[in-house]
C-alpha atoms as a PDB file:
ATOM      1  CA  MET A   1      69.530  41.357 -41.152  1.00  0.00           C
ATOM      2  CA  LYS A   2      69.048  40.765 -37.350  1.00  0.00           C
ATOM      3  CA  GLY A   3      67.400  37.487 -37.862  1.00  0.00           C
ATOM      4  CA  LEU A   4      70.142  36.354 -40.156  1.00  0.00           C
ATOM      5  CA  LEU A   5      72.764  37.422 -37.587  1.00  0.00           C
ATOM      6  CA  ALA A   6      70.899  35.527 -34.742  1.00  0.00           C
ATOM      7  CA  PHE A   7      70.997  32.386 -36.965  1.00  0.00           C
ATOM      8  CA  PHE A   8      74.597  32.533 -37.468  1.00  0.00           C
ATOM      9  CA  LEU A   9      75.201  33.288 -33.870  1.00  0.00           C
ATOM     10  CA  LEU A  10      73.068  30.150 -33.091  1.00  0.00           C
ATOM     11  CA  ALA A  11      74.776  27.993 -35.507  1.00  0.00           C
ATOM     12  CA  PHE A  12      78.202  29.077 -34.063  1.00  0.00           C
ATOM     13  CA  SER A  13      77.106  28.348 -30.438  1.00  0.00           C
ATOM     14  CA  ILE A  14      75.780  24.915 -31.399  1.00  0.00           C
ATOM     15  CA  SER A  15      78.898  23.967 -33.317  1.00  0.00           C
ATOM     16  CA  THR A  16      81.191  24.938 -30.370  1.00  0.00           C
ATOM     17  CA  GLN A  17      78.989  23.155 -27.797  1.00  0.00           C
ATOM     18  CA  ALA A  18      78.973  20.045 -29.955  1.00  0.00           C
ATOM     19  CA  SER A  19      76.344  18.495 -27.831  1.00  0.00           C
ATOM     20  CA  CYS A  20      73.022  17.095 -29.041  1.00  0.00           C
ATOM     21  CA  VAL A  21      70.252  16.649 -26.464  1.00  0.00           C
ATOM     22  CA  ILE A  22      67.328  14.290 -27.179  1.00  0.00           C
ATOM     23  CA  LEU A  23      64.251  15.285 -25.280  1.00  0.00           C
ATOM     24  CA  ILE A  24      61.661  12.550 -24.634  1.00  0.00           C
ATOM     25  CA  HIS A  25      58.206  13.400 -23.148  1.00  0.00           C
ATOM     26  CA  GLY A  26      56.163  11.376 -20.746  1.00  0.00           C
ATOM     27  CA  LEU A  27      53.177   9.066 -21.116  1.00  0.00           C
ATOM     28  CA  ALA A  28      50.140  10.476 -22.760  1.00  0.00           C
ATOM     29  CA  ARG A  29      51.956  13.619 -23.510  1.00  0.00           C
ATOM     30  CA  SER A  30      53.580  15.129 -26.701  1.00  0.00           C
ATOM     31  CA  SER A  31      56.822  17.072 -27.666  1.00  0.00           C
ATOM     32  CA  SER A  32      54.741  20.146 -27.127  1.00  0.00           C
ATOM     33  CA  SER A  33      55.102  19.589 -23.314  1.00  0.00           C
ATOM     34  CA  MET A  34      58.926  19.892 -23.909  1.00  0.00           C
ATOM     35  CA  GLU A  35      58.982  22.952 -25.871  1.00  0.00           C
ATOM     36  CA  THR A  36      59.936  25.394 -23.129  1.00  0.00           C
ATOM     37  CA  LEU A  37      62.847  23.212 -22.206  1.00  0.00           C
ATOM     38  CA  GLU A  38      63.778  22.900 -25.886  1.00  0.00           C
ATOM     39  CA  GLU A  39      63.769  26.687 -26.266  1.00  0.00           C
ATOM     40  CA  SER A  40      66.044  27.096 -23.241  1.00  0.00           C
ATOM     41  CA  LEU A  41      68.512  24.637 -24.391  1.00  0.00           C
ATOM     42  CA  ILE A  42      68.921  26.364 -27.812  1.00  0.00           C
ATOM     43  CA  LYS A  43      69.584  29.544 -25.912  1.00  0.00           C
ATOM     44  CA  GLU A  44      72.235  27.847 -23.955  1.00  0.00           C
ATOM     45  CA  GLY A  45      73.968  26.510 -27.195  1.00  0.00           C
ATOM     46  CA  PHE A  46      72.724  22.994 -27.288  1.00  0.00           C
ATOM     47  CA  LEU A  47      71.219  21.193 -30.191  1.00  0.00           C
ATOM     48  CA  PRO A  48      67.977  19.763 -28.949  1.00  0.00           C
ATOM     49  CA  ILE A  49      65.997  16.951 -30.717  1.00  0.00           C
ATOM     50  CA  ASN A  50      62.411  17.281 -29.443  1.00  0.00           C
ATOM     51  CA  ILE A  51      60.563  14.085 -30.596  1.00  0.00           C
ATOM     52  CA  ASP A  52      57.030  12.693 -30.562  1.00  0.00           C
ATOM     53  CA  TYR A  53      56.163   9.110 -30.142  1.00  0.00           C
ATOM     54  CA  PRO A  54      52.880   7.179 -29.610  1.00  0.00           C
ATOM     55  CA  SER A  55      53.215   6.561 -25.934  1.00  0.00           C
ATOM     56  CA  ARG A  56      49.892   4.908 -25.384  1.00  0.00           C
ATOM     57  CA  ASP A  57      49.958   2.665 -28.500  1.00  0.00           C
ATOM     58  CA  TYR A  58      52.748   0.118 -27.708  1.00  0.00           C
ATOM     59  CA  PRO A  59      54.552  -1.445 -24.759  1.00  0.00           C
ATOM     60  CA  ILE A  60      57.777   0.045 -23.449  1.00  0.00           C
ATOM     61  CA  GLU A  61      60.048  -2.457 -25.359  1.00  0.00           C
ATOM     62  CA  GLN A  62      58.576  -1.086 -28.775  1.00  0.00           C
ATOM     63  CA  LEU A  63      58.312   2.494 -27.650  1.00  0.00           C
ATOM     64  CA  ALA A  64      62.050   2.625 -26.869  1.00  0.00           C
ATOM     65  CA  GLU A  65      62.872   1.754 -30.381  1.00  0.00           C
ATOM     66  CA  LEU A  66      60.307   3.825 -31.983  1.00  0.00           C
ATOM     67  CA  ALA A  67      61.415   6.939 -30.049  1.00  0.00           C
ATOM     68  CA  ILE A  68      65.123   6.680 -29.658  1.00  0.00           C
ATOM     69  CA  LYS A  69      66.340   5.439 -32.993  1.00  0.00           C
ATOM     70  CA  PRO A  70      64.833   8.074 -35.208  1.00  0.00           C
ATOM     71  CA  ALA A  71      66.118  10.646 -32.718  1.00  0.00           C
ATOM     72  CA  LEU A  72      69.688   9.429 -32.690  1.00  0.00           C
ATOM     73  CA  ALA A  73      69.644   9.680 -36.567  1.00  0.00           C
ATOM     74  CA  GLN A  74      69.051  13.374 -36.084  1.00  0.00           C
ATOM     75  CA  CYS A  75      72.051  13.913 -34.074  1.00  0.00           C
ATOM     76  CA  PRO A  76      75.339  14.755 -36.104  1.00  0.00           C
ATOM     77  CA  LYS A  77      77.853  11.895 -35.817  1.00  0.00           C
ATOM     78  CA  ASN A  78      80.530  14.100 -34.306  1.00  0.00           C
ATOM     79  CA  MET A  79      78.321  15.463 -31.442  1.00  0.00           C
ATOM     80  CA  LYS A  80      78.028  13.942 -27.856  1.00  0.00           C
ATOM     81  CA  VAL A  81      74.555  12.602 -27.312  1.00  0.00           C
ATOM     82  CA  ASN A  82      72.566  13.589 -24.159  1.00  0.00           C
ATOM     83  CA  PHE A  83      69.105  12.770 -23.055  1.00  0.00           C
ATOM     84  CA  VAL A  84      66.530  14.743 -20.959  1.00  0.00           C
ATOM     85  CA  THR A  85      63.469  12.810 -20.215  1.00  0.00           C
ATOM     86  CA  HIS A  86      60.231  13.235 -18.455  1.00  0.00           C
ATOM     87  CA  SER A  87      58.527  10.405 -16.636  1.00  0.00           C
ATOM     88  CA  LEU A  88      58.145   7.386 -18.959  1.00  0.00           C
ATOM     89  CA  GLY A  89      60.741   8.925 -21.149  1.00  0.00           C
ATOM     90  CA  GLY A  90      63.290   7.894 -18.637  1.00  0.00           C
ATOM     91  CA  ILE A  91      62.322   4.263 -18.603  1.00  0.00           C
ATOM     92  CA  LEU A  92      62.735   4.326 -22.486  1.00  0.00           C
ATOM     93  CA  VAL A  93      66.127   5.378 -22.242  1.00  0.00           C
ATOM     94  CA  ARG A  94      66.911   2.661 -19.743  1.00  0.00           C
ATOM     95  CA  GLN A  95      65.219  -0.011 -21.938  1.00  0.00           C
ATOM     96  CA  TYR A  96      67.015   1.223 -25.131  1.00  0.00           C
ATOM     97  CA  LEU A  97      70.398   1.166 -23.407  1.00  0.00           C
ATOM     98  CA  ARG A  98      69.833  -2.351 -22.042  1.00  0.00           C
ATOM     99  CA  ALA A  99      69.619  -3.585 -25.684  1.00  0.00           C
ATOM    100  CA  HIS A 100      72.068  -1.004 -27.553  1.00  0.00           C
ATOM    101  CA  GLU A 101      75.268   0.929 -26.948  1.00  0.00           C
ATOM    102  CA  ILE A 102      75.385   4.484 -27.755  1.00  0.00           C
ATOM    103  CA  ASN A 103      79.079   5.200 -28.297  1.00  0.00           C
ATOM    104  CA  ASN A 104      79.055   8.941 -27.963  1.00  0.00           C
ATOM    105  CA  LEU A 105      76.509   8.964 -24.975  1.00  0.00           C
ATOM    106  CA  TYR A 106      77.434  11.808 -22.575  1.00  0.00           C
ATOM    107  CA  ARG A 107      74.811  12.728 -19.934  1.00  0.00           C
ATOM    108  CA  VAL A 108      71.272  11.888 -19.028  1.00  0.00           C
ATOM    109  CA  VAL A 109      68.790  14.006 -16.907  1.00  0.00           C
ATOM    110  CA  MET A 110      65.496  12.439 -15.833  1.00  0.00           C
ATOM    111  CA  LEU A 111      62.651  14.356 -14.463  1.00  0.00           C
ATOM    112  CA  GLY A 112      60.113  12.512 -12.330  1.00  0.00           C
ATOM    113  CA  PRO A 113      61.115   8.970 -13.767  1.00  0.00           C
ATOM    114  CA  PRO A 114      59.167   6.093 -12.168  1.00  0.00           C
ATOM    115  CA  ASN A 115      62.518   4.150 -11.979  1.00  0.00           C
ATOM    116  CA  ARG A 116      60.981   1.855  -9.226  1.00  0.00           C
ATOM    117  CA  GLY A 117      57.496   2.048 -10.540  1.00  0.00           C
ATOM    118  CA  SER A 118      54.423   3.846  -9.252  1.00  0.00           C
ATOM    119  CA  GLU A 119      51.932   2.543  -6.624  1.00  0.00           C
ATOM    120  CA  ILE A 120      49.150   4.391  -8.653  1.00  0.00           C
ATOM    121  CA  VAL A 121      49.651   1.548 -11.285  1.00  0.00           C
ATOM    122  CA  ASP A 122      49.533  -1.087  -8.520  1.00  0.00           C
ATOM    123  CA  LYS A 123      46.135   0.078  -7.429  1.00  0.00           C
ATOM    124  CA  LEU A 124      44.481   1.502 -10.392  1.00  0.00           C
ATOM    125  CA  GLY A 125      45.903  -0.688 -13.152  1.00  0.00           C
ATOM    126  CA  GLU A 126      42.708  -2.973 -13.198  1.00  0.00           C
ATOM    127  CA  VAL A 127      40.185  -0.181 -12.903  1.00  0.00           C
ATOM    128  CA  PRO A 128      38.206   0.184 -16.083  1.00  0.00           C
ATOM    129  CA  GLY A 129      39.457   2.897 -18.260  1.00  0.00           C
ATOM    130  CA  PHE A 130      43.088   2.988 -16.944  1.00  0.00           C
ATOM    131  CA  HIS A 131      44.385   1.039 -20.005  1.00  0.00           C
ATOM    132  CA  PHE A 132      42.380   3.126 -22.258  1.00  0.00           C
ATOM    133  CA  ILE A 133      43.968   6.267 -20.976  1.00  0.00           C
ATOM    134  CA  ASN A 134      47.496   4.928 -20.324  1.00  0.00           C
ATOM    135  CA  GLY A 135      47.941   2.114 -22.715  1.00  0.00           C
ATOM    136  CA  ASP A 136      50.168  -0.933 -22.490  1.00  0.00           C
ATOM    137  CA  ALA A 137      53.189   1.044 -21.267  1.00  0.00           C
ATOM    138  CA  GLY A 138      51.180   2.407 -18.281  1.00  0.00           C
ATOM    139  CA  LEU A 139      50.378  -0.933 -17.087  1.00  0.00           C
ATOM    140  CA  GLN A 140      53.970  -1.797 -17.161  1.00  0.00           C
ATOM    141  CA  LEU A 141      54.887   0.915 -14.643  1.00  0.00           C
ATOM    142  CA  GLY A 142      53.869  -0.896 -11.336  1.00  0.00           C
ATOM    143  CA  THR A 143      56.321  -1.414  -8.366  1.00  0.00           C
ATOM    144  CA  GLY A 144      56.396  -5.121  -8.450  1.00  0.00           C
ATOM    145  CA  GLU A 145      59.634  -7.047  -8.963  1.00  0.00           C
ATOM    146  CA  LEU A 146      58.536  -7.940 -12.601  1.00  0.00           C
ATOM    147  CA  SER A 147      57.555  -4.441 -13.635  1.00  0.00           C
ATOM    148  CA  VAL A 148      59.700  -3.275 -16.529  1.00  0.00           C
ATOM    149  CA  PRO A 149      61.482  -0.524 -14.488  1.00  0.00           C
ATOM    150  CA  ASN A 150      62.446  -3.058 -11.949  1.00  0.00           C
ATOM    151  CA  THR A 151      63.818  -5.517 -14.410  1.00  0.00           C
ATOM    152  CA  LEU A 152      66.122  -3.024 -16.209  1.00  0.00           C
ATOM    153  CA  GLY A 153      69.136  -3.043 -13.571  1.00  0.00           C
ATOM    154  CA  LYS A 154      71.323  -0.193 -12.386  1.00  0.00           C
ATOM    155  CA  ALA A 155      72.511   2.795 -14.493  1.00  0.00           C
ATOM    156  CA  ASN A 156      75.736   2.089 -16.277  1.00  0.00           C
ATOM    157  CA  PHE A 157      75.705   5.786 -17.813  1.00  0.00           C
ATOM    158  CA  ASP A 158      75.976   9.265 -16.181  1.00  0.00           C
ATOM    159  CA  VAL A 159      72.456  10.125 -15.001  1.00  0.00           C
ATOM    160  CA  GLY A 160      71.134  13.017 -12.779  1.00  0.00           C
ATOM    161  CA  ILE A 161      67.443  12.692 -11.443  1.00  0.00           C
ATOM    162  CA  ILE A 162      65.270  15.480 -10.519  1.00  0.00           C
ATOM    163  CA  ALA A 163      62.166  14.487  -8.127  1.00  0.00           C
ATOM    164  CA  GLY A 164      59.138  16.658  -7.390  1.00  0.00           C
ATOM    165  CA  THR A 165      57.812  17.199  -3.816  1.00  0.00           C
ATOM    166  CA  ARG A 166      54.383  18.778  -4.677  1.00  0.00           C
ATOM    167  CA  SER A 167      51.248  17.488  -6.097  1.00  0.00           C
ATOM    168  CA  ILE A 168      48.156  18.832  -7.690  1.00  0.00           C
ATOM    169  CA  ASN A 169      46.372  15.624  -7.584  1.00  0.00           C
ATOM    170  CA  LEU A 170      45.776  14.961  -3.842  1.00  0.00           C
ATOM    171  CA  ILE A 171      43.562  11.789  -4.660  1.00  0.00           C
ATOM    172  CA  LEU A 172      46.331  10.120  -6.458  1.00  0.00           C
ATOM    173  CA  SER A 173      48.806  11.282  -3.757  1.00  0.00           C
ATOM    174  CA  THR A 174      46.866   9.463  -1.076  1.00  0.00           C
ATOM    175  CA  LEU A 175      47.810   6.107  -3.100  1.00  0.00           C
ATOM    176  CA  ILE A 176      51.476   6.898  -2.612  1.00  0.00           C
ATOM    177  CA  PRO A 177      52.901   6.211   0.927  1.00  0.00           C
ATOM    178  CA  SER A 178      55.555   8.870   0.957  1.00  0.00           C
ATOM    179  CA  THR A 179      56.283  12.369  -0.445  1.00  0.00           C
ATOM    180  CA  ASP A 180      55.507  12.497  -4.189  1.00  0.00           C
ATOM    181  CA  ASP A 181      54.890  14.724  -7.211  1.00  0.00           C
ATOM    182  CA  GLY A 182      51.408  13.506  -7.657  1.00  0.00           C
ATOM    183  CA  LYS A 183      52.343  10.420  -9.770  1.00  0.00           C
ATOM    184  CA  VAL A 184      55.781   9.227  -8.358  1.00  0.00           C
ATOM    185  CA  SER A 185      57.296   9.172  -5.072  1.00  0.00           C
ATOM    186  CA  ILE A 186      60.752  10.589  -4.420  1.00  0.00           C
ATOM    187  CA  GLU A 187      62.184   7.364  -3.349  1.00  0.00           C
ATOM    188  CA  ASN A 188      60.961   5.616  -6.526  1.00  0.00           C
ATOM    189  CA  THR A 189      62.506   8.108  -8.862  1.00  0.00           C
ATOM    190  CA  LYS A 190      66.068   6.884  -7.442  1.00  0.00           C
ATOM    191  CA  LEU A 191      67.971   4.490  -9.506  1.00  0.00           C
ATOM    192  CA  GLU A 192      71.037   2.406  -8.458  1.00  0.00           C
ATOM    193  CA  GLY A 193      74.173   3.843  -9.967  1.00  0.00           C
ATOM    194  CA  MET A 194      72.830   7.277 -10.521  1.00  0.00           C
ATOM    195  CA  ASN A 195      75.216  10.162 -10.338  1.00  0.00           C
ATOM    196  CA  ASP A 196      73.165  12.932  -8.588  1.00  0.00           C
ATOM    197  CA  HIS A 197      69.597  13.316  -7.300  1.00  0.00           C
ATOM    198  CA  ILE A 198      67.841  16.551  -6.275  1.00  0.00           C
ATOM    199  CA  GLU A 199      64.403  17.191  -4.835  1.00  0.00           C
ATOM    200  CA  MET A 200      62.586  20.277  -6.015  1.00  0.00           C
ATOM    201  CA  PRO A 201      59.117  21.804  -5.110  1.00  0.00           C
ATOM    202  CA  VAL A 202      57.525  20.923  -8.397  1.00  0.00           C
ATOM    203  CA  THR A 203      54.653  18.837  -9.622  1.00  0.00           C
ATOM    204  CA  HIS A 204      54.935  15.942 -11.993  1.00  0.00           C
ATOM    205  CA  PRO A 205      52.847  17.408 -14.880  1.00  0.00           C
ATOM    206  CA  PHE A 206      54.641  20.780 -15.056  1.00  0.00           C
ATOM    207  CA  MET A 207      58.148  20.271 -13.794  1.00  0.00           C
ATOM    208  CA  MET A 208      59.647  20.225 -17.270  1.00  0.00           C
ATOM    209  CA  LYS A 209      58.436  23.902 -17.861  1.00  0.00           C
ATOM    210  CA  ASN A 210      59.670  25.143 -14.441  1.00  0.00           C
ATOM    211  CA  LYS A 211      62.475  27.680 -14.929  1.00  0.00           C
ATOM    212  CA  LYS A 212      64.428  26.490 -11.774  1.00  0.00           C
ATOM    213  CA  VAL A 213      64.137  22.921 -13.017  1.00  0.00           C
ATOM    214  CA  ILE A 214      65.425  23.953 -16.449  1.00  0.00           C
ATOM    215  CA  ALA A 215      68.447  25.686 -14.922  1.00  0.00           C
ATOM    216  CA  GLN A 216      69.254  22.633 -13.083  1.00  0.00           C
ATOM    217  CA  VAL A 217      69.028  20.478 -16.326  1.00  0.00           C
ATOM    218  CA  VAL A 218      71.332  22.992 -18.010  1.00  0.00           C
ATOM    219  CA  ASN A 219      73.878  22.790 -15.208  1.00  0.00           C
ATOM    220  CA  TYR A 220      73.831  19.019 -15.222  1.00  0.00           C
ATOM    221  CA  LEU A 221      74.407  18.885 -18.893  1.00  0.00           C
ATOM    222  CA  LYS A 222      77.369  21.277 -18.733  1.00  0.00           C
ATOM    223  CA  ASN A 223      78.836  20.212 -15.312  1.00  0.00           C
ATOM    224  CA  GLY A 224      77.695  16.863 -14.512  1.00  0.00           C
ATOM    225  CA  ASN A 225      75.998  17.792 -11.253  1.00  0.00           C
ATOM    226  CA  PHE A 226      73.059  19.691  -9.812  1.00  0.00           C
ATOM    227  CA  GLU A 227      73.485  22.927  -7.775  1.00  0.00           C
ATOM    228  CA  HIS A 228      72.371  21.767  -4.393  1.00  0.00           C
ATOM    229  CA  SER A 229      73.168  24.955  -2.760  1.00  0.00           C
ATOM    230  CA  LYS A 230      70.742  26.926  -4.613  1.00  0.00           C
ATOM    231  CA  ASN A 231      67.784  28.151  -2.688  1.00  0.00           C
ATOM    232  CA  LEU A 232      64.940  26.138  -4.450  1.00  0.00           C
END
């Protein structure tokens, strides 16, 4: 009986919130990396769509179609559509929105996105094994003018960005000339046209599981801003 009651309370919460949240994981990760975030969004009354896509098998242009079209099909037509992305996932959203319009798009939150690329790709892209581990998409994430992130233009949608300031990979961090999360510098997470940006003491691989990051994600989805006054 308690389980049935919880189901109906959850269904009511989702219907009143009327907001679908598509979760898009990062490079060489899976939907399991977004499960903590998914569970938190359910508790907050959102309808999360946590998708898997073969991030190492195709270039960004194909991955955007493979990941986002099926996810959108799972969002009820009367619901607002939001995205919460990690790393490469944010670039897929930008790529998709360059080619498609989502009429009921509401808000986007990006976690550690390489919006201006990463110096790691510049310096290690030609090292044997890099392509095997990171695939075609990984090679497209450099900082050059012709890298995919730098050809997608400014944001014409409501987006808030969370950048990490801590690293657990000090070797990779030596390749990045400023404060970073182990993969992407704070500066390179930024995107022209963004609505809000916040720095948090978290690392690239684990930021999506951090309780304080999740609280900021929820606040942005609900209110359109981060809580900069919070003691992070």
